[in-house]
Amino acid sequence: MSTENLSVKPRIRTELLDKLSVKRILIYCLGFFLIAIGISISAKSSLGVSLVNSVPYTVSLLTGFEQGLCTTCFFIILILIQFLIAPKDFSPFSFLQIICSFIFGWFVTLANLCLSFLPTPESYIVKMIYIIVSLFFVAVGVFLYVNADLLPLPSEGVMLTFSKRTKIPFHLCKMGFDCSVVVIAALISLIVKGELLGVREGTIIAAVFVGIIIKPVAKLFLNRLKDFLNN
Protein backbone atom coordinates (compact mmCIF):
# COMPACT_ATOMS: atom_id res chain seq x y z
CA MET A 1 0.00 0.00 0.00
CA SER A 2 1.20 3.47 -0.82
CA THR A 3 0.56 4.82 2.68
CA GLU A 4 3.99 5.49 4.17
CA ASN A 5 2.98 6.26 7.73
CA LEU A 6 0.00 6.74 9.96
CA SER A 7 0.68 10.34 10.91
CA VAL A 8 -2.03 11.50 8.53
CA LYS A 9 -1.13 15.07 7.73
CA PRO A 10 -3.57 17.40 5.97
CA ARG A 11 -2.00 16.66 2.60
CA ILE A 12 -2.44 12.91 3.09
CA ARG A 13 -5.98 13.40 4.36
CA THR A 14 -6.78 15.38 1.21
CA GLU A 15 -5.24 12.71 -1.00
CA LEU A 16 -7.28 9.99 0.69
CA LEU A 17 -10.49 11.97 0.40
CA ASP A 18 -9.75 12.65 -3.26
CA LYS A 19 -9.30 8.93 -3.89
CA LEU A 20 -12.52 7.92 -2.16
CA SER A 21 -15.07 6.55 -4.57
CA VAL A 22 -17.80 3.95 -4.54
CA LYS A 23 -15.63 1.69 -6.70
CA ARG A 24 -12.64 1.86 -4.35
CA ILE A 25 -14.79 1.27 -1.28
CA LEU A 26 -16.45 -1.73 -2.94
CA ILE A 27 -13.11 -3.25 -3.97
CA TYR A 28 -11.69 -2.53 -0.51
CA CYS A 29 -14.60 -4.28 1.22
CA LEU A 30 -14.61 -7.14 -1.30
CA GLY A 31 -10.95 -7.70 -0.51
CA PHE A 32 -11.77 -7.82 3.20
CA PHE A 33 -14.57 -10.32 2.62
CA LEU A 34 -12.44 -12.64 0.47
CA ILE A 35 -9.71 -12.61 3.12
CA ALA A 36 -12.36 -13.43 5.73
CA ILE A 37 -13.60 -16.36 3.62
CA GLY A 38 -10.04 -17.63 3.36
CA ILE A 39 -9.62 -17.37 7.13
CA SER A 40 -12.88 -19.23 7.69
CA ILE A 41 -11.93 -22.06 5.33
CA SER A 42 -8.48 -22.44 6.89
CA ALA A 43 -10.06 -22.48 10.35
CA LYS A 44 -12.30 -25.35 9.20
CA SER A 45 -9.21 -27.31 8.24
CA SER A 46 -7.90 -27.30 11.84
CA LEU A 47 -4.41 -26.87 10.40
CA GLY A 48 -3.97 -23.27 11.48
CA VAL A 49 -4.73 -19.85 10.03
CA SER A 50 -2.59 -17.07 8.59
CA LEU A 51 0.05 -15.36 10.73
CA VAL A 52 -1.77 -12.13 11.53
CA ASN A 53 -4.97 -13.95 12.46
CA SER A 54 -3.29 -16.61 14.59
CA VAL A 55 -3.68 -14.69 17.87
CA PRO A 56 -7.43 -13.86 17.60
CA TYR A 57 -8.18 -17.34 16.26
CA THR A 58 -6.31 -19.00 19.12
CA VAL A 59 -8.06 -16.79 21.68
CA SER A 60 -11.38 -17.65 20.04
CA LEU A 61 -10.68 -21.38 20.34
CA LEU A 62 -9.64 -21.06 23.99
CA THR A 63 -12.40 -18.73 25.18
CA GLY A 64 -15.32 -19.67 22.95
CA PHE A 65 -15.77 -16.04 21.93
CA GLU A 66 -16.75 -15.45 18.31
CA GLN A 67 -13.73 -15.28 16.00
CA GLY A 68 -14.80 -12.02 14.36
CA LEU A 69 -15.13 -10.34 17.76
CA CYS A 70 -11.68 -11.56 18.79
CA THR A 71 -10.26 -10.26 15.51
CA THR A 72 -11.78 -6.81 16.05
CA CYS A 73 -10.46 -6.66 19.63
CA PHE A 74 -6.98 -7.72 18.50
CA PHE A 75 -6.92 -5.04 15.81
CA ILE A 76 -8.01 -2.37 18.29
CA ILE A 77 -5.11 -3.43 20.55
CA LEU A 78 -2.80 -2.94 17.56
CA ILE A 79 -4.20 0.56 17.07
CA LEU A 80 -3.48 1.30 20.74
CA ILE A 81 0.08 0.02 20.25
CA GLN A 82 0.49 2.42 17.32
CA PHE A 83 -0.56 5.27 19.59
CA LEU A 84 1.86 4.19 22.33
CA ILE A 85 4.74 3.89 19.85
CA ALA A 86 4.24 7.31 18.27
CA PRO A 87 1.59 9.40 20.08
CA LYS A 88 2.67 12.64 18.41
CA ASP A 89 2.21 11.15 14.97
CA PHE A 90 -1.17 9.64 15.76
CA SER A 91 -3.89 11.95 14.51
CA PRO A 92 -7.67 11.66 15.03
CA PHE A 93 -7.87 10.62 11.40
CA SER A 94 -5.88 7.49 12.28
CA PHE A 95 -8.81 6.29 14.37
CA LEU A 96 -10.54 5.42 11.09
CA GLN A 97 -8.63 2.16 11.45
CA ILE A 98 -11.16 1.29 14.15
CA ILE A 99 -13.87 1.31 11.50
CA CYS A 100 -11.73 -1.00 9.36
CA SER A 101 -11.33 -3.30 12.37
CA PHE A 102 -15.07 -3.59 12.94
CA ILE A 103 -15.75 -4.12 9.23
CA PHE A 104 -13.14 -6.83 8.96
CA GLY A 105 -14.28 -8.53 12.17
CA TRP A 106 -17.88 -8.45 10.95
CA PHE A 107 -16.81 -10.00 7.65
CA VAL A 108 -15.05 -12.82 9.53
CA THR A 109 -18.28 -13.46 11.43
CA LEU A 110 -20.30 -13.32 8.20
CA ALA A 111 -17.89 -15.66 6.41
CA ASN A 112 -18.13 -18.19 9.25
CA LEU A 113 -21.93 -18.06 9.01
CA CYS A 114 -21.93 -18.37 5.22
CA LEU A 115 -19.57 -21.35 5.33
CA SER A 116 -21.16 -23.09 8.30
CA PHE A 117 -22.45 -25.74 5.87
CA LEU A 118 -18.88 -26.89 5.15
CA PRO A 119 -18.09 -30.12 6.99
CA THR A 120 -15.04 -30.26 9.24
CA PRO A 121 -12.75 -32.65 7.37
CA GLU A 122 -11.28 -35.70 9.05
CA SER A 123 -8.93 -36.73 6.25
CA TYR A 124 -5.58 -34.94 6.25
CA ILE A 125 -5.70 -34.71 2.46
CA VAL A 126 -9.05 -32.91 2.58
CA LYS A 127 -7.70 -30.61 5.29
CA MET A 128 -4.82 -29.67 3.01
CA ILE A 129 -7.27 -29.03 0.16
CA TYR A 130 -9.08 -26.61 2.48
CA ILE A 131 -5.78 -24.85 3.19
CA ILE A 132 -4.94 -24.58 -0.52
CA VAL A 133 -8.37 -23.16 -1.35
CA SER A 134 -8.07 -20.68 1.52
CA LEU A 135 -4.72 -19.44 0.16
CA PHE A 136 -6.34 -18.34 -3.08
CA PHE A 137 -9.14 -16.48 -1.31
CA VAL A 138 -6.67 -14.70 0.98
CA ALA A 139 -4.30 -13.88 -1.88
CA VAL A 140 -7.00 -12.39 -4.10
CA GLY A 141 -8.46 -10.53 -1.11
CA VAL A 142 -5.10 -9.00 -0.21
CA PHE A 143 -4.56 -8.05 -3.85
CA LEU A 144 -7.90 -6.20 -3.98
CA TYR A 145 -7.63 -4.58 -0.54
CA VAL A 146 -4.10 -3.28 -1.09
CA ASN A 147 -4.76 -1.93 -4.58
CA ALA A 148 -7.93 -0.16 -3.45
CA ASP A 149 -5.29 2.04 -1.77
CA LEU A 150 -7.36 3.37 1.11
CA LEU A 151 -6.54 2.79 4.78
CA PRO A 152 -4.21 0.03 6.02
CA LEU A 153 -5.47 -2.59 8.40
CA PRO A 154 -4.10 -2.11 11.94
CA SER A 155 -1.74 -5.06 11.46
CA GLU A 156 -0.06 -3.24 8.59
CA GLY A 157 -0.40 0.08 10.38
CA VAL A 158 1.54 -1.05 13.44
CA MET A 159 4.37 -2.26 11.20
CA LEU A 160 4.45 1.04 9.34
CA THR A 161 4.45 3.01 12.59
CA PHE A 162 7.23 0.91 14.14
CA SER A 163 9.30 1.17 10.95
CA LYS A 164 8.93 4.95 10.87
CA ARG A 165 9.70 5.31 14.57
CA THR A 166 12.75 3.03 14.64
CA LYS A 167 14.03 3.61 11.06
CA ILE A 168 14.08 -0.17 10.62
CA PRO A 169 13.15 -1.19 7.05
CA PHE A 170 9.51 -2.17 6.68
CA HIS A 171 10.22 -5.73 5.47
CA LEU A 172 12.25 -6.39 8.63
CA CYS A 173 9.46 -4.96 10.80
CA LYS A 174 6.98 -7.21 9.02
CA MET A 175 9.18 -10.23 9.57
CA GLY A 176 9.49 -9.38 13.26
CA PHE A 177 5.77 -8.75 13.61
CA ASP A 178 4.85 -12.02 11.88
CA CYS A 179 7.20 -14.00 14.10
CA SER A 180 5.94 -12.21 17.21
CA VAL A 181 2.24 -12.93 16.63
CA VAL A 182 2.93 -16.60 15.95
CA VAL A 183 5.02 -16.90 19.12
CA ILE A 184 2.35 -15.08 21.14
CA ALA A 185 -0.40 -17.32 19.76
CA ALA A 186 1.66 -20.44 20.47
CA LEU A 187 2.51 -19.33 24.02
CA ILE A 188 -1.11 -18.48 24.83
CA SER A 189 -2.19 -21.88 23.55
CA LEU A 190 0.53 -23.81 25.38
CA ILE A 191 0.04 -21.96 28.67
CA VAL A 192 -3.75 -22.24 28.70
CA LYS A 193 -4.32 -25.57 26.98
CA GLY A 194 -0.97 -27.32 27.04
CA GLU A 195 -1.03 -27.87 23.28
CA LEU A 196 -0.77 -25.89 20.06
CA LEU A 197 -4.06 -24.52 18.79
CA GLY A 198 -4.46 -22.23 15.80
CA VAL A 199 -0.79 -22.39 14.83
CA ARG A 200 0.11 -25.36 12.69
CA GLU A 201 1.50 -26.22 9.28
CA GLY A 202 -1.28 -24.26 7.59
CA THR A 203 0.07 -21.11 9.23
CA ILE A 204 3.52 -21.66 7.71
CA ILE A 205 2.05 -22.58 4.33
CA ALA A 206 0.04 -19.35 4.30
CA ALA A 207 3.12 -17.32 5.24
CA VAL A 208 5.07 -18.77 2.31
CA PHE A 209 2.51 -19.12 -0.46
CA VAL A 210 0.05 -16.20 -0.19
CA GLY A 211 2.69 -13.79 -1.51
CA ILE A 212 3.63 -16.25 -4.26
CA ILE A 213 0.02 -16.54 -5.40
CA ILE A 214 -0.47 -12.77 -5.38
CA LYS A 215 2.25 -12.31 -8.03
CA PRO A 216 0.44 -14.07 -10.93
CA VAL A 217 -2.89 -12.61 -9.79
CA ALA A 218 -1.39 -9.11 -10.00
CA LYS A 219 0.17 -9.88 -13.37
CA LEU A 220 -3.19 -10.97 -14.79
CA PHE A 221 -5.52 -8.44 -13.20
CA LEU A 222 -3.63 -5.37 -11.93
CA ASN A 223 -4.04 -3.30 -15.10
CA ARG A 224 -7.72 -4.22 -15.37
CA LEU A 225 -8.28 -3.34 -11.73
CA LYS A 226 -6.54 0.04 -12.16
CA ASP A 227 -8.65 0.77 -15.23
CA PHE A 228 -11.80 -0.09 -13.29
CA LEU A 229 -10.84 2.08 -10.32
CA ASN A 230 -9.69 5.07 -12.35
CA ASN A 231 -12.46 5.22 -14.95
C-alpha atoms as a PDB file:
ATOM      1  CA  MET A   1       0.000   0.000   0.000  1.00  0.00           C
ATOM      2  CA  SER A   2       1.198   3.471  -0.825  1.00  0.00           C
ATOM      3  CA  THR A   3       0.564   4.817   2.682  1.00  0.00           C
ATOM      4  CA  GLU A   4       3.985   5.489   4.170  1.00  0.00           C
ATOM      5  CA  ASN A   5       2.979   6.262   7.732  1.00  0.00           C
ATOM      6  CA  LEU A   6       0.000   6.740   9.960  1.00  0.00           C
ATOM      7  CA  SER A   7       0.680  10.344  10.905  1.00  0.00           C
ATOM      8  CA  VAL A   8      -2.025  11.496   8.526  1.00  0.00           C
ATOM      9  CA  LYS A   9      -1.130  15.067   7.728  1.00  0.00           C
ATOM     10  CA  PRO A  10      -3.575  17.404   5.972  1.00  0.00           C
ATOM     11  CA  ARG A  11      -2.005  16.660   2.596  1.00  0.00           C
ATOM     12  CA  ILE A  12      -2.438  12.909   3.094  1.00  0.00           C
ATOM     13  CA  ARG A  13      -5.978  13.400   4.360  1.00  0.00           C
ATOM     14  CA  THR A  14      -6.777  15.381   1.213  1.00  0.00           C
ATOM     15  CA  GLU A  15      -5.240  12.709  -1.004  1.00  0.00           C
ATOM     16  CA  LEU A  16      -7.276   9.992   0.693  1.00  0.00           C
ATOM     17  CA  LEU A  17     -10.495  11.969   0.397  1.00  0.00           C
ATOM     18  CA  ASP A  18      -9.747  12.653  -3.264  1.00  0.00           C
ATOM     19  CA  LYS A  19      -9.303   8.930  -3.888  1.00  0.00           C
ATOM     20  CA  LEU A  20     -12.525   7.923  -2.160  1.00  0.00           C
ATOM     21  CA  SER A  21     -15.073   6.550  -4.571  1.00  0.00           C
ATOM     22  CA  VAL A  22     -17.803   3.949  -4.542  1.00  0.00           C
ATOM     23  CA  LYS A  23     -15.632   1.691  -6.703  1.00  0.00           C
ATOM     24  CA  ARG A  24     -12.645   1.863  -4.349  1.00  0.00           C
ATOM     25  CA  ILE A  25     -14.785   1.267  -1.277  1.00  0.00           C
ATOM     26  CA  LEU A  26     -16.450  -1.729  -2.936  1.00  0.00           C
ATOM     27  CA  ILE A  27     -13.110  -3.254  -3.974  1.00  0.00           C
ATOM     28  CA  TYR A  28     -11.685  -2.531  -0.510  1.00  0.00           C
ATOM     29  CA  CYS A  29     -14.602  -4.284   1.222  1.00  0.00           C
ATOM     30  CA  LEU A  30     -14.613  -7.145  -1.299  1.00  0.00           C
ATOM     31  CA  GLY A  31     -10.951  -7.699  -0.505  1.00  0.00           C
ATOM     32  CA  PHE A  32     -11.769  -7.823   3.205  1.00  0.00           C
ATOM     33  CA  PHE A  33     -14.566 -10.322   2.619  1.00  0.00           C
ATOM     34  CA  LEU A  34     -12.440 -12.640   0.471  1.00  0.00           C
ATOM     35  CA  ILE A  35      -9.707 -12.612   3.124  1.00  0.00           C
ATOM     36  CA  ALA A  36     -12.358 -13.434   5.732  1.00  0.00           C
ATOM     37  CA  ILE A  37     -13.598 -16.359   3.621  1.00  0.00           C
ATOM     38  CA  GLY A  38     -10.039 -17.632   3.360  1.00  0.00           C
ATOM     39  CA  ILE A  39      -9.617 -17.374   7.129  1.00  0.00           C
ATOM     40  CA  SER A  40     -12.883 -19.229   7.695  1.00  0.00           C
ATOM     41  CA  ILE A  41     -11.930 -22.061   5.330  1.00  0.00           C
ATOM     42  CA  SER A  42      -8.478 -22.437   6.887  1.00  0.00           C
ATOM     43  CA  ALA A  43     -10.058 -22.481  10.350  1.00  0.00           C
ATOM     44  CA  LYS A  44     -12.302 -25.349   9.198  1.00  0.00           C
ATOM     45  CA  SER A  45      -9.208 -27.313   8.237  1.00  0.00           C
ATOM     46  CA  SER A  46      -7.902 -27.300  11.845  1.00  0.00           C
ATOM     47  CA  LEU A  47      -4.407 -26.874  10.400  1.00  0.00           C
ATOM     48  CA  GLY A  48      -3.966 -23.266  11.482  1.00  0.00           C
ATOM     49  CA  VAL A  49      -4.730 -19.849  10.029  1.00  0.00           C
ATOM     50  CA  SER A  50      -2.589 -17.068   8.586  1.00  0.00           C
ATOM     51  CA  LEU A  51       0.055 -15.364  10.733  1.00  0.00           C
ATOM     52  CA  VAL A  52      -1.774 -12.130  11.532  1.00  0.00           C
ATOM     53  CA  ASN A  53      -4.973 -13.955  12.456  1.00  0.00           C
ATOM     54  CA  SER A  54      -3.292 -16.610  14.592  1.00  0.00           C
ATOM     55  CA  VAL A  55      -3.684 -14.691  17.865  1.00  0.00           C
ATOM     56  CA  PRO A  56      -7.426 -13.861  17.604  1.00  0.00           C
ATOM     57  CA  TYR A  57      -8.177 -17.336  16.255  1.00  0.00           C
ATOM     58  CA  THR A  58      -6.313 -19.001  19.116  1.00  0.00           C
ATOM     59  CA  VAL A  59      -8.058 -16.786  21.676  1.00  0.00           C
ATOM     60  CA  SER A  60     -11.383 -17.647  20.045  1.00  0.00           C
ATOM     61  CA  LEU A  61     -10.683 -21.383  20.345  1.00  0.00           C
ATOM     62  CA  LEU A  62      -9.640 -21.064  23.991  1.00  0.00           C
ATOM     63  CA  THR A  63     -12.404 -18.731  25.181  1.00  0.00           C
ATOM     64  CA  GLY A  64     -15.323 -19.670  22.955  1.00  0.00           C
ATOM     65  CA  PHE A  65     -15.771 -16.045  21.926  1.00  0.00           C
ATOM     66  CA  GLU A  66     -16.746 -15.450  18.312  1.00  0.00           C
ATOM     67  CA  GLN A  67     -13.734 -15.282  15.998  1.00  0.00           C
ATOM     68  CA  GLY A  68     -14.805 -12.021  14.359  1.00  0.00           C
ATOM     69  CA  LEU A  69     -15.130 -10.337  17.761  1.00  0.00           C
ATOM     70  CA  CYS A  70     -11.675 -11.561  18.791  1.00  0.00           C
ATOM     71  CA  THR A  71     -10.259 -10.258  15.510  1.00  0.00           C
ATOM     72  CA  THR A  72     -11.780  -6.809  16.052  1.00  0.00           C
ATOM     73  CA  CYS A  73     -10.458  -6.659  19.631  1.00  0.00           C
ATOM     74  CA  PHE A  74      -6.982  -7.719  18.495  1.00  0.00           C
ATOM     75  CA  PHE A  75      -6.921  -5.035  15.809  1.00  0.00           C
ATOM     76  CA  ILE A  76      -8.006  -2.371  18.294  1.00  0.00           C
ATOM     77  CA  ILE A  77      -5.110  -3.433  20.546  1.00  0.00           C
ATOM     78  CA  LEU A  78      -2.796  -2.940  17.564  1.00  0.00           C
ATOM     79  CA  ILE A  79      -4.204   0.562  17.066  1.00  0.00           C
ATOM     80  CA  LEU A  80      -3.481   1.303  20.738  1.00  0.00           C
ATOM     81  CA  ILE A  81       0.079   0.022  20.249  1.00  0.00           C
ATOM     82  CA  GLN A  82       0.488   2.420  17.321  1.00  0.00           C
ATOM     83  CA  PHE A  83      -0.563   5.270  19.591  1.00  0.00           C
ATOM     84  CA  LEU A  84       1.855   4.191  22.330  1.00  0.00           C
ATOM     85  CA  ILE A  85       4.740   3.894  19.855  1.00  0.00           C
ATOM     86  CA  ALA A  86       4.236   7.312  18.266  1.00  0.00           C
ATOM     87  CA  PRO A  87       1.595   9.397  20.082  1.00  0.00           C
ATOM     88  CA  LYS A  88       2.666  12.643  18.413  1.00  0.00           C
ATOM     89  CA  ASP A  89       2.209  11.151  14.966  1.00  0.00           C
ATOM     90  CA  PHE A  90      -1.171   9.640  15.764  1.00  0.00           C
ATOM     91  CA  SER A  91      -3.894  11.951  14.508  1.00  0.00           C
ATOM     92  CA  PRO A  92      -7.666  11.656  15.033  1.00  0.00           C
ATOM     93  CA  PHE A  93      -7.865  10.620  11.399  1.00  0.00           C
ATOM     94  CA  SER A  94      -5.883   7.490  12.281  1.00  0.00           C
ATOM     95  CA  PHE A  95      -8.812   6.293  14.366  1.00  0.00           C
ATOM     96  CA  LEU A  96     -10.540   5.416  11.091  1.00  0.00           C
ATOM     97  CA  GLN A  97      -8.634   2.163  11.450  1.00  0.00           C
ATOM     98  CA  ILE A  98     -11.156   1.286  14.150  1.00  0.00           C
ATOM     99  CA  ILE A  99     -13.875   1.309  11.495  1.00  0.00           C
ATOM    100  CA  CYS A 100     -11.729  -1.003   9.363  1.00  0.00           C
ATOM    101  CA  SER A 101     -11.325  -3.297  12.367  1.00  0.00           C
ATOM    102  CA  PHE A 102     -15.065  -3.592  12.938  1.00  0.00           C
ATOM    103  CA  ILE A 103     -15.755  -4.119   9.234  1.00  0.00           C
ATOM    104  CA  PHE A 104     -13.138  -6.834   8.960  1.00  0.00           C
ATOM    105  CA  GLY A 105     -14.281  -8.534  12.174  1.00  0.00           C
ATOM    106  CA  TRP A 106     -17.876  -8.450  10.953  1.00  0.00           C
ATOM    107  CA  PHE A 107     -16.812  -9.998   7.652  1.00  0.00           C
ATOM    108  CA  VAL A 108     -15.051 -12.817   9.532  1.00  0.00           C
ATOM    109  CA  THR A 109     -18.283 -13.464  11.431  1.00  0.00           C
ATOM    110  CA  LEU A 110     -20.298 -13.321   8.201  1.00  0.00           C
ATOM    111  CA  ALA A 111     -17.888 -15.664   6.414  1.00  0.00           C
ATOM    112  CA  ASN A 112     -18.131 -18.188   9.245  1.00  0.00           C
ATOM    113  CA  LEU A 113     -21.932 -18.062   9.012  1.00  0.00           C
ATOM    114  CA  CYS A 114     -21.930 -18.368   5.217  1.00  0.00           C
ATOM    115  CA  LEU A 115     -19.570 -21.355   5.334  1.00  0.00           C
ATOM    116  CA  SER A 116     -21.164 -23.091   8.296  1.00  0.00           C
ATOM    117  CA  PHE A 117     -22.446 -25.745   5.868  1.00  0.00           C
ATOM    118  CA  LEU A 118     -18.876 -26.889   5.146  1.00  0.00           C
ATOM    119  CA  PRO A 119     -18.087 -30.122   6.993  1.00  0.00           C
ATOM    120  CA  THR A 120     -15.045 -30.262   9.242  1.00  0.00           C
ATOM    121  CA  PRO A 121     -12.750 -32.646   7.373  1.00  0.00           C
ATOM    122  CA  GLU A 122     -11.277 -35.701   9.052  1.00  0.00           C
ATOM    123  CA  SER A 123      -8.931 -36.733   6.253  1.00  0.00           C
ATOM    124  CA  TYR A 124      -5.579 -34.937   6.251  1.00  0.00           C
ATOM    125  CA  ILE A 125      -5.697 -34.713   2.456  1.00  0.00           C
ATOM    126  CA  VAL A 126      -9.045 -32.914   2.579  1.00  0.00           C
ATOM    127  CA  LYS A 127      -7.704 -30.614   5.289  1.00  0.00           C
ATOM    128  CA  MET A 128      -4.820 -29.670   3.006  1.00  0.00           C
ATOM    129  CA  ILE A 129      -7.272 -29.027   0.164  1.00  0.00           C
ATOM    130  CA  TYR A 130      -9.083 -26.614   2.482  1.00  0.00           C
ATOM    131  CA  ILE A 131      -5.781 -24.855   3.189  1.00  0.00           C
ATOM    132  CA  ILE A 132      -4.941 -24.580  -0.519  1.00  0.00           C
ATOM    133  CA  VAL A 133      -8.370 -23.156  -1.347  1.00  0.00           C
ATOM    134  CA  SER A 134      -8.069 -20.681   1.521  1.00  0.00           C
ATOM    135  CA  LEU A 135      -4.723 -19.438   0.163  1.00  0.00           C
ATOM    136  CA  PHE A 136      -6.341 -18.338  -3.084  1.00  0.00           C
ATOM    137  CA  PHE A 137      -9.145 -16.480  -1.312  1.00  0.00           C
ATOM    138  CA  VAL A 138      -6.670 -14.697   0.981  1.00  0.00           C
ATOM    139  CA  ALA A 139      -4.296 -13.879  -1.883  1.00  0.00           C
ATOM    140  CA  VAL A 140      -7.004 -12.389  -4.100  1.00  0.00           C
ATOM    141  CA  GLY A 141      -8.459 -10.533  -1.109  1.00  0.00           C
ATOM    142  CA  VAL A 142      -5.102  -9.002  -0.209  1.00  0.00           C
ATOM    143  CA  PHE A 143      -4.559  -8.050  -3.853  1.00  0.00           C
ATOM    144  CA  LEU A 144      -7.896  -6.198  -3.978  1.00  0.00           C
ATOM    145  CA  TYR A 145      -7.627  -4.579  -0.540  1.00  0.00           C
ATOM    146  CA  VAL A 146      -4.096  -3.276  -1.095  1.00  0.00           C
ATOM    147  CA  ASN A 147      -4.760  -1.931  -4.576  1.00  0.00           C
ATOM    148  CA  ALA A 148      -7.930  -0.162  -3.454  1.00  0.00           C
ATOM    149  CA  ASP A 149      -5.292   2.037  -1.766  1.00  0.00           C
ATOM    150  CA  LEU A 150      -7.360   3.366   1.106  1.00  0.00           C
ATOM    151  CA  LEU A 151      -6.540   2.789   4.782  1.00  0.00           C
ATOM    152  CA  PRO A 152      -4.209   0.035   6.022  1.00  0.00           C
ATOM    153  CA  LEU A 153      -5.467  -2.589   8.403  1.00  0.00           C
ATOM    154  CA  PRO A 154      -4.100  -2.114  11.942  1.00  0.00           C
ATOM    155  CA  SER A 155      -1.740  -5.058  11.457  1.00  0.00           C
ATOM    156  CA  GLU A 156      -0.057  -3.235   8.591  1.00  0.00           C
ATOM    157  CA  GLY A 157      -0.399   0.078  10.377  1.00  0.00           C
ATOM    158  CA  VAL A 158       1.540  -1.045  13.443  1.00  0.00           C
ATOM    159  CA  MET A 159       4.368  -2.264  11.203  1.00  0.00           C
ATOM    160  CA  LEU A 160       4.448   1.045   9.338  1.00  0.00           C
ATOM    161  CA  THR A 161       4.445   3.009  12.594  1.00  0.00           C
ATOM    162  CA  PHE A 162       7.226   0.911  14.140  1.00  0.00           C
ATOM    163  CA  SER A 163       9.297   1.168  10.953  1.00  0.00           C
ATOM    164  CA  LYS A 164       8.932   4.952  10.873  1.00  0.00           C
ATOM    165  CA  ARG A 165       9.697   5.310  14.571  1.00  0.00           C
ATOM    166  CA  THR A 166      12.753   3.030  14.638  1.00  0.00           C
ATOM    167  CA  LYS A 167      14.030   3.606  11.062  1.00  0.00           C
ATOM    168  CA  ILE A 168      14.084  -0.167  10.625  1.00  0.00           C
ATOM    169  CA  PRO A 169      13.146  -1.191   7.046  1.00  0.00           C
ATOM    170  CA  PHE A 170       9.509  -2.170   6.679  1.00  0.00           C
ATOM    171  CA  HIS A 171      10.218  -5.726   5.473  1.00  0.00           C
ATOM    172  CA  LEU A 172      12.246  -6.389   8.633  1.00  0.00           C
ATOM    173  CA  CYS A 173       9.460  -4.962  10.802  1.00  0.00           C
ATOM    174  CA  LYS A 174       6.976  -7.206   9.021  1.00  0.00           C
ATOM    175  CA  MET A 175       9.182 -10.228   9.572  1.00  0.00           C
ATOM    176  CA  GLY A 176       9.491  -9.377  13.262  1.00  0.00           C
ATOM    177  CA  PHE A 177       5.770  -8.747  13.613  1.00  0.00           C
ATOM    178  CA  ASP A 178       4.845 -12.016  11.884  1.00  0.00           C
ATOM    179  CA  CYS A 179       7.198 -13.998  14.102  1.00  0.00           C
ATOM    180  CA  SER A 180       5.940 -12.211  17.212  1.00  0.00           C
ATOM    181  CA  VAL A 181       2.242 -12.927  16.631  1.00  0.00           C
ATOM    182  CA  VAL A 182       2.934 -16.604  15.948  1.00  0.00           C
ATOM    183  CA  VAL A 183       5.017 -16.897  19.121  1.00  0.00           C
ATOM    184  CA  ILE A 184       2.349 -15.077  21.136  1.00  0.00           C
ATOM    185  CA  ALA A 185      -0.402 -17.325  19.764  1.00  0.00           C
ATOM    186  CA  ALA A 186       1.658 -20.438  20.474  1.00  0.00           C
ATOM    187  CA  LEU A 187       2.509 -19.329  24.024  1.00  0.00           C
ATOM    188  CA  ILE A 188      -1.113 -18.481  24.828  1.00  0.00           C
ATOM    189  CA  SER A 189      -2.193 -21.879  23.549  1.00  0.00           C
ATOM    190  CA  LEU A 190       0.528 -23.808  25.378  1.00  0.00           C
ATOM    191  CA  ILE A 191       0.040 -21.959  28.667  1.00  0.00           C
ATOM    192  CA  VAL A 192      -3.749 -22.238  28.705  1.00  0.00           C
ATOM    193  CA  LYS A 193      -4.320 -25.566  26.979  1.00  0.00           C
ATOM    194  CA  GLY A 194      -0.971 -27.315  27.041  1.00  0.00           C
ATOM    195  CA  GLU A 195      -1.027 -27.872  23.282  1.00  0.00           C
ATOM    196  CA  LEU A 196      -0.771 -25.895  20.058  1.00  0.00           C
ATOM    197  CA  LEU A 197      -4.062 -24.517  18.790  1.00  0.00           C
ATOM    198  CA  GLY A 198      -4.463 -22.229  15.797  1.00  0.00           C
ATOM    199  CA  VAL A 199      -0.788 -22.388  14.829  1.00  0.00           C
ATOM    200  CA  ARG A 200       0.115 -25.362  12.689  1.00  0.00           C
ATOM    201  CA  GLU A 201       1.503 -26.216   9.279  1.00  0.00           C
ATOM    202  CA  GLY A 202      -1.283 -24.260   7.594  1.00  0.00           C
ATOM    203  CA  THR A 203       0.075 -21.107   9.226  1.00  0.00           C
ATOM    204  CA  ILE A 204       3.518 -21.663   7.713  1.00  0.00           C
ATOM    205  CA  ILE A 205       2.050 -22.584   4.327  1.00  0.00           C
ATOM    206  CA  ALA A 206       0.041 -19.354   4.304  1.00  0.00           C
ATOM    207  CA  ALA A 207       3.117 -17.320   5.240  1.00  0.00           C
ATOM    208  CA  VAL A 208       5.069 -18.775   2.305  1.00  0.00           C
ATOM    209  CA  PHE A 209       2.506 -19.119  -0.457  1.00  0.00           C
ATOM    210  CA  VAL A 210       0.055 -16.198  -0.188  1.00  0.00           C
ATOM    211  CA  GLY A 211       2.690 -13.793  -1.506  1.00  0.00           C
ATOM    212  CA  ILE A 212       3.634 -16.245  -4.257  1.00  0.00           C
ATOM    213  CA  ILE A 213       0.017 -16.542  -5.400  1.00  0.00           C
ATOM    214  CA  ILE A 214      -0.474 -12.766  -5.382  1.00  0.00           C
ATOM    215  CA  LYS A 215       2.251 -12.306  -8.031  1.00  0.00           C
ATOM    216  CA  PRO A 216       0.444 -14.073 -10.927  1.00  0.00           C
ATOM    217  CA  VAL A 217      -2.892 -12.611  -9.787  1.00  0.00           C
ATOM    218  CA  ALA A 218      -1.387  -9.114 -10.001  1.00  0.00           C
ATOM    219  CA  LYS A 219       0.167  -9.882 -13.373  1.00  0.00           C
ATOM    220  CA  LEU A 220      -3.194 -10.966 -14.788  1.00  0.00           C
ATOM    221  CA  PHE A 221      -5.523  -8.441 -13.197  1.00  0.00           C
ATOM    222  CA  LEU A 222      -3.632  -5.366 -11.933  1.00  0.00           C
ATOM    223  CA  ASN A 223      -4.043  -3.296 -15.096  1.00  0.00           C
ATOM    224  CA  ARG A 224      -7.722  -4.222 -15.373  1.00  0.00           C
ATOM    225  CA  LEU A 225      -8.276  -3.336 -11.732  1.00  0.00           C
ATOM    226  CA  LYS A 226      -6.542   0.038 -12.155  1.00  0.00           C
ATOM    227  CA  ASP A 227      -8.647   0.772 -15.235  1.00  0.00           C
ATOM    228  CA  PHE A 228     -11.796  -0.091 -13.289  1.00  0.00           C
ATOM    229  CA  LEU A 229     -10.842   2.078 -10.324  1.00  0.00           C
ATOM    230  CA  ASN A 230      -9.692   5.070 -12.346  1.00  0.00           C
ATOM    231  CA  ASN A 231     -12.459   5.225 -14.950  1.00  0.00           C
END
